[in-house]
Amino acid sequence: MDRVELAGFLRRRREELRPEDVGLPVGARRRAPGLRREEVAALAAMSTDYYTRLEQQRGPQPSEQMLAALARALRLTDDERDYLFRVAGRNAPSPQATATHVAPALQRVLDRLDDTPALILSNLGEVLVQNRFAEALYGDSSRFTGHARSGIYRWFTDPGERLIYPEQDRDRQGRTQVANLRAAYASMGPRSRAGELVRALRKESAEFAQLWERHEVAKRFEDHKVLVHPQLGEIEVDCQALFTEDQSQALLVLTAPPRTEAFDKLQLLGVLGTEKFVS
């Protein structure tokens, strides 16, 4: 671990970022350029003291999870992320880990979406990051591990995953989930994480196995659908997606026309947050 290089790199990247680059309010005039240490720490979900010690060349060797969080917080490119890992004495992320590193361009757009649900998904249906509106609508996706990180996997193994859709729309959604996974399987190959997911689901879900045999393929995120919130009821939304160039990640944005009941419900999500609505 090269503490001098690590500290210098973190400090320089922090100083090059502005609050608006990461979706934070500009606020009062700042005495120093860039983000504050406590802001980077909050974005990376670590203590300010821990981050400060890294910049002061006296911190412990960060774990791979900590480094991945710092890479996301500092909006690092793939090359910058790999450099961060190496100066911290860790191997650069494997292709599997790389697939879950949020594309900086999508992250910058998400940072500016603070009035409607938005989230970044991998091509395996993993929520990589979500704003507070999306968390209030879908729940906190960061709690899932293993295969369960994939919404496709949970759709066929956890009945509660389907409650966000009206019953009459669940068959269509199931077919869409499988068609999306087949597109990922085709691009990633049978020995990839997509292949692992397919093999696991074929063993665990007869429904998935039957749908897999239909050989339907799609990458479809542009849609008009109804979602069901446990407190607010049905919300009719339009879904639009912005993909990375390699199609491995998508920024999904949910909107509703202004001055509609659905629009008002989406705005109420921002007030509710993850707290339960009390009527």
C-alpha atoms as a PDB file:
ATOM      1  CA  MET A   1       0.000   0.000   0.000  1.00  0.00           C
ATOM      2  CA  ASP A   2       1.432   3.357  -1.075  1.00  0.00           C
ATOM      3  CA  ARG A   3      -0.015   5.739   1.513  1.00  0.00           C
ATOM      4  CA  VAL A   4       1.566   8.827  -0.054  1.00  0.00           C
ATOM      5  CA  GLU A   5       0.162   8.140  -3.526  1.00  0.00           C
ATOM      6  CA  LEU A   6      -3.207   7.097  -2.144  1.00  0.00           C
ATOM      7  CA  ALA A   7      -3.535  10.250  -0.046  1.00  0.00           C
ATOM      8  CA  GLY A   8      -2.481  12.511  -2.904  1.00  0.00           C
ATOM      9  CA  PHE A   9      -4.814  10.872  -5.377  1.00  0.00           C
ATOM     10  CA  LEU A  10      -7.817  11.065  -3.074  1.00  0.00           C
ATOM     11  CA  ARG A  11      -7.129  14.692  -2.208  1.00  0.00           C
ATOM     12  CA  ARG A  12      -6.684  15.763  -5.835  1.00  0.00           C
ATOM     13  CA  ARG A  13      -9.831  13.997  -7.025  1.00  0.00           C
ATOM     14  CA  ARG A  14     -11.801  15.499  -4.125  1.00  0.00           C
ATOM     15  CA  GLU A  15     -10.541  19.000  -4.927  1.00  0.00           C
ATOM     16  CA  GLU A  16     -11.485  18.627  -8.599  1.00  0.00           C
ATOM     17  CA  LEU A  17     -15.129  17.862  -7.841  1.00  0.00           C
ATOM     18  CA  ARG A  18     -17.743  20.526  -7.219  1.00  0.00           C
ATOM     19  CA  PRO A  19     -20.863  19.980  -5.103  1.00  0.00           C
ATOM     20  CA  GLU A  20     -23.112  20.192  -8.164  1.00  0.00           C
ATOM     21  CA  ASP A  21     -21.036  17.415  -9.800  1.00  0.00           C
ATOM     22  CA  VAL A  22     -22.314  14.962  -7.195  1.00  0.00           C
ATOM     23  CA  GLY A  23     -25.824  16.305  -6.693  1.00  0.00           C
ATOM     24  CA  LEU A  24     -25.090  18.368  -3.580  1.00  0.00           C
ATOM     25  CA  PRO A  25     -26.281  21.954  -3.052  1.00  0.00           C
ATOM     26  CA  VAL A  26     -23.606  24.597  -3.615  1.00  0.00           C
ATOM     27  CA  GLY A  27     -24.418  26.425  -0.382  1.00  0.00           C
ATOM     28  CA  ALA A  28     -22.267  29.193   1.050  1.00  0.00           C
ATOM     29  CA  ARG A  29     -18.940  30.216  -0.410  1.00  0.00           C
ATOM     30  CA  ARG A  30     -16.227  27.659   0.315  1.00  0.00           C
ATOM     31  CA  ARG A  31     -12.798  28.444   1.659  1.00  0.00           C
ATOM     32  CA  ALA A  32     -11.154  25.648  -0.362  1.00  0.00           C
ATOM     33  CA  PRO A  33     -11.924  24.245  -3.823  1.00  0.00           C
ATOM     34  CA  GLY A  34     -13.775  20.986  -4.318  1.00  0.00           C
ATOM     35  CA  LEU A  35     -15.744  18.837  -1.943  1.00  0.00           C
ATOM     36  CA  ARG A  36     -15.255  18.750   1.794  1.00  0.00           C
ATOM     37  CA  ARG A  37     -13.900  15.591   3.354  1.00  0.00           C
ATOM     38  CA  GLU A  38     -17.131  14.995   5.220  1.00  0.00           C
ATOM     39  CA  GLU A  39     -19.049  15.186   1.936  1.00  0.00           C
ATOM     40  CA  VAL A  40     -16.895  12.509   0.314  1.00  0.00           C
ATOM     41  CA  ALA A  41     -17.219  10.364   3.424  1.00  0.00           C
ATOM     42  CA  ALA A  42     -21.010  10.689   3.346  1.00  0.00           C
ATOM     43  CA  LEU A  43     -21.156   9.807  -0.345  1.00  0.00           C
ATOM     44  CA  ALA A  44     -19.031   6.720   0.323  1.00  0.00           C
ATOM     45  CA  ALA A  45     -20.997   5.759   3.464  1.00  0.00           C
ATOM     46  CA  MET A  46     -17.941   5.858   5.724  1.00  0.00           C
ATOM     47  CA  SER A  47     -16.968   7.959   8.722  1.00  0.00           C
ATOM     48  CA  THR A  48     -15.309  11.328   8.182  1.00  0.00           C
ATOM     49  CA  ASP A  49     -12.528  10.283  10.549  1.00  0.00           C
ATOM     50  CA  TYR A  50     -11.763   7.178   8.475  1.00  0.00           C
ATOM     51  CA  TYR A  51     -11.613   9.150   5.240  1.00  0.00           C
ATOM     52  CA  THR A  52      -9.542  11.929   6.821  1.00  0.00           C
ATOM     53  CA  ARG A  53      -6.944   9.418   8.004  1.00  0.00           C
ATOM     54  CA  LEU A  54      -6.598   8.108   4.449  1.00  0.00           C
ATOM     55  CA  GLU A  55      -5.868  11.606   3.167  1.00  0.00           C
ATOM     56  CA  GLN A  56      -3.396  12.145   6.007  1.00  0.00           C
ATOM     57  CA  GLN A  57      -1.401   9.013   5.119  1.00  0.00           C
ATOM     58  CA  ARG A  58      -2.208   7.285   8.412  1.00  0.00           C
ATOM     59  CA  GLY A  59      -5.255   5.181   7.650  1.00  0.00           C
ATOM     60  CA  PRO A  60      -5.451   1.371   7.524  1.00  0.00           C
ATOM     61  CA  GLN A  61      -5.481  -0.428   4.204  1.00  0.00           C
ATOM     62  CA  PRO A  62      -8.996   0.032   2.780  1.00  0.00           C
ATOM     63  CA  SER A  63     -10.990  -3.043   1.895  1.00  0.00           C
ATOM     64  CA  GLU A  64     -12.117  -3.655  -1.671  1.00  0.00           C
ATOM     65  CA  GLN A  65     -15.629  -2.654  -0.636  1.00  0.00           C
ATOM     66  CA  MET A  66     -14.346   0.657   0.755  1.00  0.00           C
ATOM     67  CA  LEU A  67     -12.348   1.338  -2.402  1.00  0.00           C
ATOM     68  CA  ALA A  68     -15.359   0.611  -4.583  1.00  0.00           C
ATOM     69  CA  ALA A  69     -17.413   3.043  -2.496  1.00  0.00           C
ATOM     70  CA  LEU A  70     -14.718   5.722  -2.816  1.00  0.00           C
ATOM     71  CA  ALA A  71     -14.531   5.186  -6.574  1.00  0.00           C
ATOM     72  CA  ARG A  72     -18.254   5.741  -6.823  1.00  0.00           C
ATOM     73  CA  ALA A  73     -18.243   8.751  -4.491  1.00  0.00           C
ATOM     74  CA  LEU A  74     -15.420  10.451  -6.411  1.00  0.00           C
ATOM     75  CA  ARG A  75     -16.971   9.617  -9.802  1.00  0.00           C
ATOM     76  CA  LEU A  76     -13.838   7.828 -10.992  1.00  0.00           C
ATOM     77  CA  THR A  77     -13.454   6.444 -14.480  1.00  0.00           C
ATOM     78  CA  ASP A  78     -12.553   2.770 -14.898  1.00  0.00           C
ATOM     79  CA  ASP A  79      -8.843   3.629 -15.278  1.00  0.00           C
ATOM     80  CA  GLU A  80      -8.906   5.882 -12.217  1.00  0.00           C
ATOM     81  CA  ARG A  81     -10.704   3.216 -10.203  1.00  0.00           C
ATOM     82  CA  ASP A  82      -8.099   0.609 -11.141  1.00  0.00           C
ATOM     83  CA  TYR A  83      -5.322   3.025 -10.137  1.00  0.00           C
ATOM     84  CA  LEU A  84      -7.019   3.634  -6.783  1.00  0.00           C
ATOM     85  CA  PHE A  85      -7.094  -0.097  -6.095  1.00  0.00           C
ATOM     86  CA  ARG A  86      -3.444  -0.576  -7.029  1.00  0.00           C
ATOM     87  CA  VAL A  87      -2.013   2.259  -4.904  1.00  0.00           C
ATOM     88  CA  ALA A  88      -4.117   0.918  -2.029  1.00  0.00           C
ATOM     89  CA  GLY A  89      -2.361  -2.425  -2.411  1.00  0.00           C
ATOM     90  CA  ARG A  90      -5.320  -4.253  -3.913  1.00  0.00           C
ATOM     91  CA  ASN A  91      -5.698  -6.007  -7.227  1.00  0.00           C
ATOM     92  CA  ALA A  92      -7.702  -4.142  -9.829  1.00  0.00           C
ATOM     93  CA  PRO A  93     -11.323  -5.327  -9.854  1.00  0.00           C
ATOM     94  CA  SER A  94     -12.115  -8.478 -11.783  1.00  0.00           C
ATOM     95  CA  PRO A  95     -14.426  -8.277 -14.807  1.00  0.00           C
ATOM     96  CA  GLN A  96     -17.295  -9.353 -12.553  1.00  0.00           C
ATOM     97  CA  ALA A  97     -16.636  -6.517 -10.113  1.00  0.00           C
ATOM     98  CA  THR A  98     -16.075  -4.080 -12.952  1.00  0.00           C
ATOM     99  CA  ALA A  99     -19.578  -4.768 -14.207  1.00  0.00           C
ATOM    100  CA  THR A 100     -21.002  -3.316 -10.994  1.00  0.00           C
ATOM    101  CA  HIS A 101     -18.919  -0.118 -11.050  1.00  0.00           C
ATOM    102  CA  VAL A 102     -21.346   2.675 -11.876  1.00  0.00           C
ATOM    103  CA  ALA A 103     -20.647   4.389 -15.191  1.00  0.00           C
ATOM    104  CA  PRO A 104     -19.612   7.977 -14.303  1.00  0.00           C
ATOM    105  CA  ALA A 105     -21.687   9.489 -17.129  1.00  0.00           C
ATOM    106  CA  LEU A 106     -24.862   7.836 -15.850  1.00  0.00           C
ATOM    107  CA  GLN A 107     -24.008   8.773 -12.266  1.00  0.00           C
ATOM    108  CA  ARG A 108     -23.677  12.443 -13.250  1.00  0.00           C
ATOM    109  CA  VAL A 109     -27.138  12.404 -14.792  1.00  0.00           C
ATOM    110  CA  LEU A 110     -28.610  10.617 -11.766  1.00  0.00           C
ATOM    111  CA  ASP A 111     -27.080  13.241  -9.468  1.00  0.00           C
ATOM    112  CA  ARG A 112     -29.269  15.861 -11.156  1.00  0.00           C
ATOM    113  CA  LEU A 113     -32.510  13.919 -10.875  1.00  0.00           C
ATOM    114  CA  ASP A 114     -33.788  14.973  -7.480  1.00  0.00           C
ATOM    115  CA  ASP A 115     -37.534  15.194  -8.108  1.00  0.00           C
ATOM    116  CA  THR A 116     -38.532  11.802  -9.523  1.00  0.00           C
ATOM    117  CA  PRO A 117     -37.562   8.131  -9.048  1.00  0.00           C
ATOM    118  CA  ALA A 118     -34.343   7.199 -10.858  1.00  0.00           C
ATOM    119  CA  LEU A 119     -31.922   4.294 -10.539  1.00  0.00           C
ATOM    120  CA  ILE A 120     -29.003   2.719 -12.380  1.00  0.00           C
ATOM    121  CA  LEU A 121     -29.316  -0.966 -13.232  1.00  0.00           C
ATOM    122  CA  SER A 122     -26.817  -3.506 -14.540  1.00  0.00           C
ATOM    123  CA  ASN A 123     -27.839  -5.717 -17.437  1.00  0.00           C
ATOM    124  CA  LEU A 124     -28.530  -8.434 -14.848  1.00  0.00           C
ATOM    125  CA  GLY A 125     -31.158  -6.319 -13.119  1.00  0.00           C
ATOM    126  CA  GLU A 126     -28.915  -5.310 -10.207  1.00  0.00           C
ATOM    127  CA  VAL A 127     -29.611  -1.885  -8.709  1.00  0.00           C
ATOM    128  CA  LEU A 128     -26.195  -0.224  -8.601  1.00  0.00           C
ATOM    129  CA  VAL A 129     -27.404   3.076  -7.161  1.00  0.00           C
ATOM    130  CA  GLN A 130     -30.798   4.707  -6.609  1.00  0.00           C
ATOM    131  CA  ASN A 131     -32.006   8.132  -5.530  1.00  0.00           C
ATOM    132  CA  ARG A 132     -34.244   8.701  -2.511  1.00  0.00           C
ATOM    133  CA  PHE A 133     -37.434   8.650  -4.611  1.00  0.00           C
ATOM    134  CA  ALA A 134     -36.552   5.247  -6.079  1.00  0.00           C
ATOM    135  CA  GLU A 135     -35.682   3.918  -2.628  1.00  0.00           C
ATOM    136  CA  ALA A 136     -39.048   5.109  -1.308  1.00  0.00           C
ATOM    137  CA  LEU A 137     -40.781   3.361  -4.213  1.00  0.00           C
ATOM    138  CA  TYR A 138     -38.805   0.114  -4.479  1.00  0.00           C
ATOM    139  CA  GLY A 139     -37.120  -0.152  -1.091  1.00  0.00           C
ATOM    140  CA  ASP A 140     -33.412  -0.177  -0.293  1.00  0.00           C
ATOM    141  CA  SER A 141     -31.752  -2.535  -2.764  1.00  0.00           C
ATOM    142  CA  SER A 142     -28.326  -2.353  -1.097  1.00  0.00           C
ATOM    143  CA  ARG A 143     -29.388  -4.984   1.459  1.00  0.00           C
ATOM    144  CA  PHE A 144     -29.294  -7.816  -1.090  1.00  0.00           C
ATOM    145  CA  THR A 145     -26.271 -10.061  -1.632  1.00  0.00           C
ATOM    146  CA  GLY A 146     -25.296 -12.896  -3.957  1.00  0.00           C
ATOM    147  CA  HIS A 147     -27.740 -13.877  -6.700  1.00  0.00           C
ATOM    148  CA  ALA A 148     -30.438 -11.920  -4.858  1.00  0.00           C
ATOM    149  CA  ARG A 149     -28.771  -8.668  -5.948  1.00  0.00           C
ATOM    150  CA  SER A 150     -30.448  -9.325  -9.300  1.00  0.00           C
ATOM    151  CA  GLY A 151     -34.073  -8.243  -9.509  1.00  0.00           C
ATOM    152  CA  ILE A 152     -34.523 -10.954 -12.139  1.00  0.00           C
ATOM    153  CA  TYR A 153     -33.462 -13.611  -9.664  1.00  0.00           C
ATOM    154  CA  ARG A 154     -35.698 -12.222  -6.928  1.00  0.00           C
ATOM    155  CA  TRP A 155     -38.671 -12.094  -9.308  1.00  0.00           C
ATOM    156  CA  PHE A 156     -38.625 -15.885  -9.623  1.00  0.00           C
ATOM    157  CA  THR A 157     -37.547 -16.774  -6.071  1.00  0.00           C
ATOM    158  CA  ASP A 158     -39.230 -14.195  -3.807  1.00  0.00           C
ATOM    159  CA  PRO A 159     -43.022 -13.796  -4.169  1.00  0.00           C
ATOM    160  CA  GLY A 160     -42.857 -10.430  -2.421  1.00  0.00           C
ATOM    161  CA  GLU A 161     -40.870  -9.022  -5.335  1.00  0.00           C
ATOM    162  CA  ARG A 162     -43.977  -9.138  -7.532  1.00  0.00           C
ATOM    163  CA  LEU A 163     -46.185  -7.048  -5.274  1.00  0.00           C
ATOM    164  CA  ILE A 164     -45.013  -3.832  -6.908  1.00  0.00           C
ATOM    165  CA  TYR A 165     -46.943  -4.789 -10.056  1.00  0.00           C
ATOM    166  CA  PRO A 166     -50.705  -5.342 -10.378  1.00  0.00           C
ATOM    167  CA  GLU A 167     -51.567  -9.022 -10.555  1.00  0.00           C
ATOM    168  CA  GLN A 168     -52.786  -8.779 -14.151  1.00  0.00           C
ATOM    169  CA  ASP A 169     -49.410  -7.447 -15.309  1.00  0.00           C
ATOM    170  CA  ARG A 170     -47.146  -9.967 -13.603  1.00  0.00           C
ATOM    171  CA  ASP A 171     -47.062 -12.559 -16.398  1.00  0.00           C
ATOM    172  CA  ARG A 172     -45.888  -9.935 -18.879  1.00  0.00           C
ATOM    173  CA  GLN A 173     -43.281  -8.672 -16.460  1.00  0.00           C
ATOM    174  CA  GLY A 174     -41.983 -12.208 -15.921  1.00  0.00           C
ATOM    175  CA  ARG A 175     -41.527 -12.707 -19.656  1.00  0.00           C
ATOM    176  CA  THR A 176     -39.771  -9.347 -19.897  1.00  0.00           C
ATOM    177  CA  GLN A 177     -37.381 -10.283 -17.099  1.00  0.00           C
ATOM    178  CA  VAL A 178     -36.397 -13.502 -18.863  1.00  0.00           C
ATOM    179  CA  ALA A 179     -36.044 -11.787 -22.238  1.00  0.00           C
ATOM    180  CA  ASN A 180     -33.716  -9.185 -20.690  1.00  0.00           C
ATOM    181  CA  LEU A 181     -31.609 -11.889 -19.058  1.00  0.00           C
ATOM    182  CA  ARG A 182     -31.316 -13.769 -22.361  1.00  0.00           C
ATOM    183  CA  ALA A 183     -29.981 -10.604 -24.021  1.00  0.00           C
ATOM    184  CA  ALA A 184     -27.369 -10.299 -21.266  1.00  0.00           C
ATOM    185  CA  TYR A 185     -26.555 -14.013 -21.551  1.00  0.00           C
ATOM    186  CA  ALA A 186     -25.956 -13.624 -25.278  1.00  0.00           C
ATOM    187  CA  SER A 187     -23.517 -10.747 -24.808  1.00  0.00           C
ATOM    188  CA  MET A 188     -21.721 -12.082 -21.717  1.00  0.00           C
ATOM    189  CA  GLY A 189     -21.550 -15.803 -22.517  1.00  0.00           C
ATOM    190  CA  PRO A 190     -22.450 -19.007 -20.643  1.00  0.00           C
ATOM    191  CA  ARG A 191     -19.451 -18.809 -18.259  1.00  0.00           C
ATOM    192  CA  SER A 192     -20.290 -15.290 -17.133  1.00  0.00           C
ATOM    193  CA  ARG A 193     -22.342 -14.051 -14.191  1.00  0.00           C
ATOM    194  CA  ALA A 194     -25.331 -14.133 -16.551  1.00  0.00           C
ATOM    195  CA  GLY A 195     -24.669 -17.830 -17.126  1.00  0.00           C
ATOM    196  CA  GLU A 196     -24.462 -18.457 -13.377  1.00  0.00           C
ATOM    197  CA  LEU A 197     -27.778 -16.702 -12.904  1.00  0.00           C
ATOM    198  CA  VAL A 198     -29.470 -18.726 -15.631  1.00  0.00           C
ATOM    199  CA  ARG A 199     -28.220 -22.024 -14.222  1.00  0.00           C
ATOM    200  CA  ALA A 200     -29.350 -21.117 -10.708  1.00  0.00           C
ATOM    201  CA  LEU A 201     -32.802 -20.033 -11.853  1.00  0.00           C
ATOM    202  CA  ARG A 202     -33.384 -23.091 -14.012  1.00  0.00           C
ATOM    203  CA  LYS A 203     -32.806 -25.222 -10.913  1.00  0.00           C
ATOM    204  CA  GLU A 204     -34.861 -23.093  -8.530  1.00  0.00           C
ATOM    205  CA  SER A 205     -37.829 -21.976 -10.630  1.00  0.00           C
ATOM    206  CA  ALA A 206     -39.944 -24.147 -12.894  1.00  0.00           C
ATOM    207  CA  GLU A 207     -41.618 -20.987 -14.187  1.00  0.00           C
ATOM    208  CA  PHE A 208     -38.273 -19.519 -15.223  1.00  0.00           C
ATOM    209  CA  ALA A 209     -37.201 -22.774 -16.873  1.00  0.00           C
ATOM    210  CA  GLN A 210     -40.401 -22.812 -18.925  1.00  0.00           C
ATOM    211  CA  LEU A 211     -40.048 -19.175 -19.988  1.00  0.00           C
ATOM    212  CA  TRP A 212     -36.354 -19.659 -20.808  1.00  0.00           C
ATOM    213  CA  GLU A 213     -37.332 -22.253 -23.400  1.00  0.00           C
ATOM    214  CA  ARG A 214     -39.350 -19.614 -25.286  1.00  0.00           C
ATOM    215  CA  HIS A 215     -36.046 -18.025 -26.436  1.00  0.00           C
ATOM    216  CA  GLU A 216     -37.458 -14.520 -26.248  1.00  0.00           C
ATOM    217  CA  VAL A 217     -34.842 -11.753 -26.345  1.00  0.00           C
ATOM    218  CA  ALA A 218     -35.321  -8.076 -25.478  1.00  0.00           C
ATOM    219  CA  LYS A 219     -33.687  -5.051 -23.905  1.00  0.00           C
ATOM    220  CA  ARG A 220     -36.791  -3.142 -23.053  1.00  0.00           C
ATOM    221  CA  PHE A 221     -36.956  -0.370 -20.506  1.00  0.00           C
ATOM    222  CA  GLU A 222     -39.066   2.188 -22.360  1.00  0.00           C
ATOM    223  CA  ASP A 223     -42.544   1.433 -21.122  1.00  0.00           C
ATOM    224  CA  HIS A 224     -45.780   2.716 -19.674  1.00  0.00           C
ATOM    225  CA  LYS A 225     -46.737   0.785 -16.578  1.00  0.00           C
ATOM    226  CA  VAL A 226     -48.551   0.779 -13.278  1.00  0.00           C
ATOM    227  CA  LEU A 227     -46.586   0.304 -10.056  1.00  0.00           C
ATOM    228  CA  VAL A 228     -48.105  -0.416  -6.671  1.00  0.00           C
ATOM    229  CA  HIS A 229     -46.821   1.382  -3.577  1.00  0.00           C
ATOM    230  CA  PRO A 230     -47.878  -0.165  -0.233  1.00  0.00           C
ATOM    231  CA  GLN A 231     -49.170   3.168   1.122  1.00  0.00           C
ATOM    232  CA  LEU A 232     -49.943   5.264  -1.968  1.00  0.00           C
ATOM    233  CA  GLY A 233     -51.558   2.540  -4.061  1.00  0.00           C
ATOM    234  CA  GLU A 234     -51.279   2.365  -7.849  1.00  0.00           C
ATOM    235  CA  ILE A 235     -49.007   4.867  -9.618  1.00  0.00           C
ATOM    236  CA  GLU A 236     -49.125   5.105 -13.416  1.00  0.00           C
ATOM    237  CA  VAL A 237     -45.666   5.993 -14.743  1.00  0.00           C
ATOM    238  CA  ASP A 238     -43.654   6.326 -17.937  1.00  0.00           C
ATOM    239  CA  CYS A 239     -40.250   4.618 -17.905  1.00  0.00           C
ATOM    240  CA  GLN A 240     -37.328   5.862 -19.974  1.00  0.00           C
ATOM    241  CA  ALA A 241     -33.796   4.476 -20.046  1.00  0.00           C
ATOM    242  CA  LEU A 242     -30.395   5.831 -20.969  1.00  0.00           C
ATOM    243  CA  PHE A 243     -27.850   3.093 -21.730  1.00  0.00           C
ATOM    244  CA  THR A 244     -24.075   3.064 -21.616  1.00  0.00           C
ATOM    245  CA  GLU A 245     -22.354   2.499 -24.950  1.00  0.00           C
ATOM    246  CA  ASP A 246     -21.768  -1.192 -24.229  1.00  0.00           C
ATOM    247  CA  GLN A 247     -25.370  -1.628 -23.017  1.00  0.00           C
ATOM    248  CA  SER A 248     -24.165  -3.066 -19.708  1.00  0.00           C
ATOM    249  CA  GLN A 249     -25.859  -0.415 -17.555  1.00  0.00           C
ATOM    250  CA  ALA A 250     -28.996   1.675 -17.836  1.00  0.00           C
ATOM    251  CA  LEU A 251     -30.270   4.750 -16.049  1.00  0.00           C
ATOM    252  CA  LEU A 252     -33.999   4.202 -15.540  1.00  0.00           C
ATOM    253  CA  VAL A 253     -36.149   7.285 -14.935  1.00  0.00           C
ATOM    254  CA  LEU A 254     -39.805   7.125 -13.894  1.00  0.00           C
ATOM    255  CA  THR A 255     -42.044  10.128 -14.596  1.00  0.00           C
ATOM    256  CA  ALA A 256     -45.706  11.093 -14.782  1.00  0.00           C
ATOM    257  CA  PRO A 257     -47.389  13.998 -16.595  1.00  0.00           C
ATOM    258  CA  PRO A 258     -47.683  17.180 -14.500  1.00  0.00           C
ATOM    259  CA  ARG A 259     -50.998  17.929 -12.781  1.00  0.00           C
ATOM    260  CA  THR A 260     -52.008  14.275 -12.641  1.00  0.00           C
ATOM    261  CA  GLU A 261     -52.710  12.056  -9.659  1.00  0.00           C
ATOM    262  CA  ALA A 262     -49.645   9.952 -10.495  1.00  0.00           C
ATOM    263  CA  PHE A 263     -47.429  13.065 -10.571  1.00  0.00           C
ATOM    264  CA  ASP A 264     -48.672  14.090  -7.135  1.00  0.00           C
ATOM    265  CA  LYS A 265     -47.977  10.608  -5.785  1.00  0.00           C
ATOM    266  CA  LEU A 266     -44.426  10.658  -7.124  1.00  0.00           C
ATOM    267  CA  GLN A 267     -43.844  13.996  -5.432  1.00  0.00           C
ATOM    268  CA  LEU A 268     -45.262  12.597  -2.200  1.00  0.00           C
ATOM    269  CA  LEU A 269     -42.600   9.886  -2.323  1.00  0.00           C
ATOM    270  CA  GLY A 270     -40.036  12.609  -1.700  1.00  0.00           C
ATOM    271  CA  VAL A 271     -41.872  13.604   1.452  1.00  0.00           C
ATOM    272  CA  LEU A 272     -42.427  10.069   2.657  1.00  0.00           C
ATOM    273  CA  GLY A 273     -38.916   8.841   1.979  1.00  0.00           C
ATOM    274  CA  THR A 274     -38.645   5.359   3.406  1.00  0.00           C
ATOM    275  CA  GLU A 275     -40.985   6.178   6.295  1.00  0.00           C
ATOM    276  CA  LYS A 276     -44.432   4.632   6.320  1.00  0.00           C
ATOM    277  CA  PHE A 277     -47.263   6.868   5.234  1.00  0.00           C
ATOM    278  CA  VAL A 278     -49.733   7.694   7.975  1.00  0.00           C
ATOM    279  CA  SER A 279     -53.237   8.590   6.755  1.00  0.00           C
END
